[in-house]
Every structure is written in structure tokens, then in C-alpha cells.
Amino acid sequence: METINGLFKTECIRTTVFHPGAYKTIADVEFATAGWVDWYNSRCLHSTLGMNTPIDYEHAHYAALDPEPQPA
């Protein structure tokens, strides 16, 4: 949890990547947080996933599974 919290502070709160300037309202923080979570869970490259995005890793995982035989 500490690692994610640190990443969030560094990548979202202390930069203007996910928001266009200083936070003025709680809604600004919520909007930036939603953008960061979307990016982290879908487009961020993760070293523990072989430098793949979570979506790419999940697609590869399900593609590698043997399909269940269908009844004839």
C-alpha cells in the first residue's frame, strides 16, 4: 500500500499530468484521481507484468488458456 500511495502522490498529486493546475476543490482531486487510476490500471507499463499493461497481460493470459470443449 505504501508503494501505491507514493506513486499516486508522485504521479498524480505533485504533477499537472492528470489535472490542469492547482487543485481548488475536492472535485478536482477526485477527477485527477479517477484519471490516474484509469491510466495505472489500463495503460501504465508494469515491470511485474513483463513491461506490459494490465489489459495486455490479461488478454494474453486468457488467450493462452485452453478453450473448453463445446458440446456437439
PDB file of N, CA and C in Angstrom:
ATOM      1  N   MET A   1       0.823  -1.194   0.000  1.00  0.00           N
ATOM      2  CA  MET A   1       0.000   0.000   0.000  1.00  0.00           C
ATOM      3  C   MET A   1       0.865   1.256   0.000  1.00  0.00           C
ATOM      4  N   GLU A   2       1.957   1.232   0.715  1.00  0.00           N
ATOM      5  CA  GLU A   2       2.817   2.409   0.760  1.00  0.00           C
ATOM      6  C   GLU A   2       3.376   2.740  -0.617  1.00  0.00           C
ATOM      7  N   THR A   3       3.694   1.718  -1.405  1.00  0.00           N
ATOM      8  CA  THR A   3       4.228   1.954  -2.741  1.00  0.00           C
ATOM      9  C   THR A   3       3.190   2.626  -3.629  1.00  0.00           C
ATOM     10  N   ILE A   4       1.970   2.132  -3.619  1.00  0.00           N
ATOM     11  CA  ILE A   4       0.914   2.729  -4.432  1.00  0.00           C
ATOM     12  C   ILE A   4       0.636   4.158  -3.984  1.00  0.00           C
ATOM     13  N   ASN A   5       0.611   4.369  -2.667  1.00  0.00           N
ATOM     14  CA  ASN A   5       0.377   5.716  -2.149  1.00  0.00           C
ATOM     15  C   ASN A   5       1.479   6.666  -2.614  1.00  0.00           C
ATOM     16  N   GLY A   6       2.721   6.211  -2.565  1.00  0.00           N
ATOM     17  CA  GLY A   6       3.839   7.032  -3.017  1.00  0.00           C
ATOM     18  C   GLY A   6       3.766   7.322  -4.507  1.00  0.00           C
ATOM     19  N   LEU A   7       3.433   6.295  -5.309  1.00  0.00           N
ATOM     20  CA  LEU A   7       3.271   6.501  -6.745  1.00  0.00           C
ATOM     21  C   LEU A   7       2.164   7.508  -7.029  1.00  0.00           C
ATOM     22  N   PHE A   8       1.051   7.356  -6.328  1.00  0.00           N
ATOM     23  CA  PHE A   8      -0.078   8.264  -6.523  1.00  0.00           C
ATOM     24  C   PHE A   8       0.325   9.707  -6.234  1.00  0.00           C
ATOM     25  N   LYS A   9       0.995   9.921  -5.114  1.00  0.00           N
ATOM     26  CA  LYS A   9       1.414  11.277  -4.766  1.00  0.00           C
ATOM     27  C   LYS A   9       2.383  11.847  -5.797  1.00  0.00           C
ATOM     28  N   THR A  10       3.345  11.028  -6.235  1.00  0.00           N
ATOM     29  CA  THR A  10       4.350  11.487  -7.177  1.00  0.00           C
ATOM     30  C   THR A  10       3.770  11.728  -8.562  1.00  0.00           C
ATOM     31  N   GLU A  11       2.965  10.776  -9.043  1.00  0.00           N
ATOM     32  CA  GLU A  11       2.494  10.840 -10.418  1.00  0.00           C
ATOM     33  C   GLU A  11       1.220  11.657 -10.602  1.00  0.00           C
ATOM     34  N   CYS A  12       0.421  11.790  -9.574  1.00  0.00           N
ATOM     35  CA  CYS A  12      -0.868  12.470  -9.732  1.00  0.00           C
ATOM     36  C   CYS A  12      -0.933  13.787  -8.966  1.00  0.00           C
ATOM     37  N   ILE A  13      -0.642  13.743  -7.698  1.00  0.00           N
ATOM     38  CA  ILE A  13      -0.841  14.924  -6.853  1.00  0.00           C
ATOM     39  C   ILE A  13       0.225  15.989  -7.076  1.00  0.00           C
ATOM     40  N   ARG A  14       1.478  15.594  -7.197  1.00  0.00           N
ATOM     41  CA  ARG A  14       2.565  16.575  -7.279  1.00  0.00           C
ATOM     42  C   ARG A  14       2.909  17.008  -8.695  1.00  0.00           C
ATOM     43  N   THR A  15       2.125  16.578  -9.688  1.00  0.00           N
ATOM     44  CA  THR A  15       2.356  16.999 -11.068  1.00  0.00           C
ATOM     45  C   THR A  15       1.063  17.570 -11.640  1.00  0.00           C
ATOM     46  N   THR A  16       1.137  18.043 -12.865  1.00  0.00           N
ATOM     47  CA  THR A  16      -0.070  18.505 -13.551  1.00  0.00           C
ATOM     48  C   THR A  16      -0.408  17.599 -14.726  1.00  0.00           C
ATOM     49  N   VAL A  17       0.038  16.354 -14.673  1.00  0.00           N
ATOM     50  CA  VAL A  17      -0.244  15.409 -15.751  1.00  0.00           C
ATOM     51  C   VAL A  17      -1.734  15.066 -15.796  1.00  0.00           C
ATOM     52  N   PHE A  18      -2.357  14.895 -14.659  1.00  0.00           N
ATOM     53  CA  PHE A  18      -3.748  14.458 -14.603  1.00  0.00           C
ATOM     54  C   PHE A  18      -4.717  15.585 -14.242  1.00  0.00           C
ATOM     55  N   HIS A  19      -4.225  16.797 -14.160  1.00  0.00           N
ATOM     56  CA  HIS A  19      -5.080  17.957 -13.897  1.00  0.00           C
ATOM     57  C   HIS A  19      -4.367  19.204 -14.410  1.00  0.00           C
ATOM     58  N   PRO A  20      -5.114  20.237 -14.804  1.00  0.00           N
ATOM     59  CA  PRO A  20      -4.514  21.410 -15.443  1.00  0.00           C
ATOM     60  C   PRO A  20      -4.070  22.525 -14.496  1.00  0.00           C
ATOM     61  N   GLY A  21      -3.529  22.212 -13.352  1.00  0.00           N
ATOM     62  CA  GLY A  21      -3.071  23.264 -12.449  1.00  0.00           C
ATOM     63  C   GLY A  21      -3.328  22.899 -11.006  1.00  0.00           C
ATOM     64  N   ALA A  22      -3.332  23.898 -10.163  1.00  0.00           N
ATOM     65  CA  ALA A  22      -3.525  23.654  -8.732  1.00  0.00           C
ATOM     66  C   ALA A  22      -4.938  23.133  -8.459  1.00  0.00           C
ATOM     67  N   TYR A  23      -5.022  22.280  -7.447  1.00  0.00           N
ATOM     68  CA  TYR A  23      -6.326  21.775  -7.020  1.00  0.00           C
ATOM     69  C   TYR A  23      -7.048  22.880  -6.264  1.00  0.00           C
ATOM     70  N   LYS A  24      -8.292  23.134  -6.655  1.00  0.00           N
ATOM     71  CA  LYS A  24      -9.080  24.163  -5.978  1.00  0.00           C
ATOM     72  C   LYS A  24     -10.233  23.575  -5.181  1.00  0.00           C
ATOM     73  N   THR A  25     -10.698  22.407  -5.614  1.00  0.00           N
ATOM     74  CA  THR A  25     -11.827  21.771  -4.934  1.00  0.00           C
ATOM     75  C   THR A  25     -11.559  20.279  -4.775  1.00  0.00           C
ATOM     76  N   ILE A  26     -12.369  19.642  -3.964  1.00  0.00           N
ATOM     77  CA  ILE A  26     -12.276  18.191  -3.812  1.00  0.00           C
ATOM     78  C   ILE A  26     -12.620  17.518  -5.135  1.00  0.00           C
ATOM     79  N   ALA A  27     -13.523  18.100  -5.896  1.00  0.00           N
ATOM     80  CA  ALA A  27     -13.872  17.537  -7.206  1.00  0.00           C
ATOM     81  C   ALA A  27     -12.654  17.500  -8.126  1.00  0.00           C
ATOM     82  N   ASP A  28     -11.765  18.494  -8.040  1.00  0.00           N
ATOM     83  CA  ASP A  28     -10.531  18.487  -8.831  1.00  0.00           C
ATOM     84  C   ASP A  28      -9.673  17.282  -8.473  1.00  0.00           C
ATOM     85  N   VAL A  29      -9.546  17.005  -7.191  1.00  0.00           N
ATOM     86  CA  VAL A  29      -8.753  15.859  -6.727  1.00  0.00           C
ATOM     87  C   VAL A  29      -9.417  14.557  -7.170  1.00  0.00           C
ATOM     88  N   GLU A  30     -10.737  14.484  -7.045  1.00  0.00           N
ATOM     89  CA  GLU A  30     -11.450  13.271  -7.450  1.00  0.00           C
ATOM     90  C   GLU A  30     -11.294  13.014  -8.944  1.00  0.00           C
ATOM     91  N   PHE A  31     -11.390  14.048  -9.764  1.00  0.00           N
ATOM     92  CA  PHE A  31     -11.253  13.898 -11.202  1.00  0.00           C
ATOM     93  C   PHE A  31      -9.838  13.445 -11.568  1.00  0.00           C
ATOM     94  N   ALA A  32      -8.831  14.061 -10.955  1.00  0.00           N
ATOM     95  CA  ALA A  32      -7.444  13.674 -11.216  1.00  0.00           C
ATOM     96  C   ALA A  32      -7.192  12.245 -10.743  1.00  0.00           C
ATOM     97  N   THR A  33      -7.754  11.865  -9.611  1.00  0.00           N
ATOM     98  CA  THR A  33      -7.591  10.511  -9.091  1.00  0.00           C
ATOM     99  C   THR A  33      -8.206   9.494 -10.040  1.00  0.00           C
ATOM    100  N   ALA A  34      -9.389   9.777 -10.552  1.00  0.00           N
ATOM    101  CA  ALA A  34     -10.032   8.863 -11.500  1.00  0.00           C
ATOM    102  C   ALA A  34      -9.175   8.701 -12.755  1.00  0.00           C
ATOM    103  N   GLY A  35      -8.600   9.779 -13.240  1.00  0.00           N
ATOM    104  CA  GLY A  35      -7.725   9.703 -14.412  1.00  0.00           C
ATOM    105  C   GLY A  35      -6.483   8.892 -14.138  1.00  0.00           C
ATOM    106  N   TRP A  36      -5.880   9.072 -12.965  1.00  0.00           N
ATOM    107  CA  TRP A  36      -4.679   8.331 -12.609  1.00  0.00           C
ATOM    108  C   TRP A  36      -4.983   6.846 -12.457  1.00  0.00           C
ATOM    109  N   VAL A  37      -6.074   6.509 -11.797  1.00  0.00           N
ATOM    110  CA  VAL A  37      -6.445   5.100 -11.607  1.00  0.00           C
ATOM    111  C   VAL A  37      -6.699   4.441 -12.961  1.00  0.00           C
ATOM    112  N   ASP A  38      -7.393   5.138 -13.857  1.00  0.00           N
ATOM    113  CA  ASP A  38      -7.631   4.591 -15.197  1.00  0.00           C
ATOM    114  C   ASP A  38      -6.312   4.348 -15.912  1.00  0.00           C
ATOM    115  N   TRP A  39      -5.411   5.316 -15.884  1.00  0.00           N
ATOM    116  CA  TRP A  39      -4.106   5.171 -16.525  1.00  0.00           C
ATOM    117  C   TRP A  39      -3.320   4.022 -15.897  1.00  0.00           C
ATOM    118  N   TYR A  40      -3.262   3.969 -14.580  1.00  0.00           N
ATOM    119  CA  TYR A  40      -2.462   2.950 -13.879  1.00  0.00           C
ATOM    120  C   TYR A  40      -2.984   1.552 -14.157  1.00  0.00           C
ATOM    121  N   ASN A  41      -4.299   1.380 -14.210  1.00  0.00           N
ATOM    122  CA  ASN A  41      -4.887   0.060 -14.387  1.00  0.00           C
ATOM    123  C   ASN A  41      -5.023  -0.364 -15.840  1.00  0.00           C
ATOM    124  N   SER A  42      -4.833   0.561 -16.791  1.00  0.00           N
ATOM    125  CA  SER A  42      -5.040   0.159 -18.180  1.00  0.00           C
ATOM    126  C   SER A  42      -3.879   0.478 -19.118  1.00  0.00           C
ATOM    127  N   ARG A  43      -3.127   1.548 -18.879  1.00  0.00           N
ATOM    128  CA  ARG A  43      -2.095   1.942 -19.834  1.00  0.00           C
ATOM    129  C   ARG A  43      -0.679   2.000 -19.275  1.00  0.00           C
ATOM    130  N   CYS A  44      -0.520   1.943 -17.987  1.00  0.00           N
ATOM    131  CA  CYS A  44       0.809   2.012 -17.368  1.00  0.00           C
ATOM    132  C   CYS A  44       1.546   0.687 -17.560  1.00  0.00           C
ATOM    133  N   LEU A  45       2.821   0.756 -17.950  1.00  0.00           N
ATOM    134  CA  LEU A  45       3.626  -0.454 -18.067  1.00  0.00           C
ATOM    135  C   LEU A  45       4.077  -0.887 -16.679  1.00  0.00           C
ATOM    136  N   HIS A  46       3.882  -2.169 -16.363  1.00  0.00           N
ATOM    137  CA  HIS A  46       4.237  -2.710 -15.054  1.00  0.00           C
ATOM    138  C   HIS A  46       5.387  -3.697 -15.196  1.00  0.00           C
ATOM    139  N   SER A  47       6.444  -3.492 -14.440  1.00  0.00           N
ATOM    140  CA  SER A  47       7.594  -4.396 -14.522  1.00  0.00           C
ATOM    141  C   SER A  47       7.241  -5.805 -14.062  1.00  0.00           C
ATOM    142  N   THR A  48       6.344  -5.930 -13.110  1.00  0.00           N
ATOM    143  CA  THR A  48       5.963  -7.266 -12.627  1.00  0.00           C
ATOM    144  C   THR A  48       5.142  -8.027 -13.663  1.00  0.00           C
ATOM    145  N   LEU A  49       4.660  -7.337 -14.691  1.00  0.00           N
ATOM    146  CA  LEU A  49       3.895  -7.980 -15.761  1.00  0.00           C
ATOM    147  C   LEU A  49       4.724  -8.074 -17.038  1.00  0.00           C
ATOM    148  N   GLY A  50       6.040  -8.010 -16.893  1.00  0.00           N
ATOM    149  CA  GLY A  50       6.916  -8.104 -18.059  1.00  0.00           C
ATOM    150  C   GLY A  50       6.867  -6.870 -18.939  1.00  0.00           C
ATOM    151  N   MET A  51       6.713  -5.711 -18.319  1.00  0.00           N
ATOM    152  CA  MET A  51       6.606  -4.420 -19.009  1.00  0.00           C
ATOM    153  C   MET A  51       5.422  -4.397 -19.978  1.00  0.00           C
ATOM    154  N   ASN A  52       4.337  -4.993 -19.544  1.00  0.00           N
ATOM    155  CA  ASN A  52       3.069  -4.951 -20.272  1.00  0.00           C
ATOM    156  C   ASN A  52       2.076  -4.125 -19.473  1.00  0.00           C
ATOM    157  N   THR A  53       1.042  -3.662 -20.165  1.00  0.00           N
ATOM    158  CA  THR A  53      -0.050  -3.011 -19.453  1.00  0.00           C
ATOM    159  C   THR A  53      -0.924  -4.103 -18.842  1.00  0.00           C
ATOM    160  N   PRO A  54      -1.667  -3.813 -17.801  1.00  0.00           N
ATOM    161  CA  PRO A  54      -2.545  -4.830 -17.228  1.00  0.00           C
ATOM    162  C   PRO A  54      -3.545  -5.386 -18.243  1.00  0.00           C
ATOM    163  N   ILE A  55      -4.047  -4.552 -19.130  1.00  0.00           N
ATOM    164  CA  ILE A  55      -5.004  -5.026 -20.129  1.00  0.00           C
ATOM    165  C   ILE A  55      -4.327  -6.000 -21.094  1.00  0.00           C
ATOM    166  N   ASP A  56      -3.133  -5.656 -21.587  1.00  0.00           N
ATOM    167  CA  ASP A  56      -2.419  -6.558 -22.493  1.00  0.00           C
ATOM    168  C   ASP A  56      -2.093  -7.878 -21.808  1.00  0.00           C
ATOM    169  N   TYR A  57      -1.669  -7.797 -20.555  1.00  0.00           N
ATOM    170  CA  TYR A  57      -1.332  -9.006 -19.802  1.00  0.00           C
ATOM    171  C   TYR A  57      -2.564  -9.895 -19.622  1.00  0.00           C
ATOM    172  N   GLU A  58      -3.688  -9.294 -19.296  1.00  0.00           N
ATOM    173  CA  GLU A  58      -4.917 -10.068 -19.111  1.00  0.00           C
ATOM    174  C   GLU A  58      -5.364 -10.711 -20.425  1.00  0.00           C
ATOM    175  N   HIS A  59      -5.285  -9.971 -21.522  1.00  0.00           N
ATOM    176  CA  HIS A  59      -5.661 -10.542 -22.823  1.00  0.00           C
ATOM    177  C   HIS A  59      -4.756 -11.720 -23.173  1.00  0.00           C
ATOM    178  N   ALA A  60      -3.449 -11.580 -22.949  1.00  0.00           N
ATOM    179  CA  ALA A  60      -2.521 -12.671 -23.229  1.00  0.00           C
ATOM    180  C   ALA A  60      -2.804 -13.877 -22.342  1.00  0.00           C
ATOM    181  N   HIS A  61      -3.147 -13.630 -21.094  1.00  0.00           N
ATOM    182  CA  HIS A  61      -3.457 -14.719 -20.165  1.00  0.00           C
ATOM    183  C   HIS A  61      -4.656 -15.523 -20.654  1.00  0.00           C
ATOM    184  N   TYR A  62      -5.736 -14.841 -20.995  1.00  0.00           N
ATOM    185  CA  TYR A  62      -6.938 -15.552 -21.432  1.00  0.00           C
ATOM    186  C   TYR A  62      -6.751 -16.194 -22.802  1.00  0.00           C
ATOM    187  N   ALA A  63      -5.935 -15.614 -23.666  1.00  0.00           N
ATOM    188  CA  ALA A  63      -5.656 -16.213 -24.971  1.00  0.00           C
ATOM    189  C   ALA A  63      -4.856 -17.501 -24.828  1.00  0.00           C
ATOM    190  N   ALA A  64      -4.038 -17.586 -23.772  1.00  0.00           N
ATOM    191  CA  ALA A  64      -3.206 -18.768 -23.558  1.00  0.00           C
ATOM    192  C   ALA A  64      -3.966 -19.925 -22.916  1.00  0.00           C
ATOM    193  N   LEU A  65      -5.129 -19.678 -22.369  1.00  0.00           N
ATOM    194  CA  LEU A  65      -5.908 -20.743 -21.748  1.00  0.00           C
ATOM    195  C   LEU A  65      -6.489 -21.664 -22.809  1.00  0.00           C
ATOM    196  N   ASP A  66      -6.577 -22.935 -22.468  1.00  0.00           N
ATOM    197  CA  ASP A  66      -7.211 -23.884 -23.377  1.00  0.00           C
ATOM    198  C   ASP A  66      -8.718 -23.661 -23.370  1.00  0.00           C
ATOM    199  N   PRO A  67      -9.304 -23.536 -24.550  1.00  0.00           N
ATOM    200  CA  PRO A  67     -10.753 -23.356 -24.559  1.00  0.00           C
ATOM    201  C   PRO A  67     -11.461 -24.632 -24.122  1.00  0.00           C
ATOM    202  N   GLU A  68     -12.564 -24.463 -23.453  1.00  0.00           N
ATOM    203  CA  GLU A  68     -13.345 -25.624 -23.040  1.00  0.00           C
ATOM    204  C   GLU A  68     -14.020 -26.231 -24.261  1.00  0.00           C
ATOM    205  N   PRO A  69     -14.070 -27.564 -24.321  1.00  0.00           N
ATOM    206  CA  PRO A  69     -14.738 -28.181 -25.465  1.00  0.00           C
ATOM    207  C   PRO A  69     -16.232 -27.853 -25.451  1.00  0.00           C
ATOM    208  N   GLN A  70     -16.747 -27.561 -26.606  1.00  0.00           N
ATOM    209  CA  GLN A  70     -18.165 -27.227 -26.734  1.00  0.00           C
ATOM    210  C   GLN A  70     -18.959 -28.494 -27.015  1.00  0.00           C
ATOM    211  N   PRO A  71     -20.131 -28.617 -26.438  1.00  0.00           N
ATOM    212  CA  PRO A  71     -20.942 -29.809 -26.715  1.00  0.00           C
ATOM    213  C   PRO A  71     -21.376 -29.833 -28.183  1.00  0.00           C
ATOM    214  N   ALA A  72     -21.437 -31.033 -28.712  1.00  0.00           N
ATOM    215  CA  ALA A  72     -21.790 -31.180 -30.128  1.00  0.00           C
ATOM    216  C   ALA A  72     -23.270 -31.265 -30.333  1.00  0.00           C
TER     217      ALA A  72
END
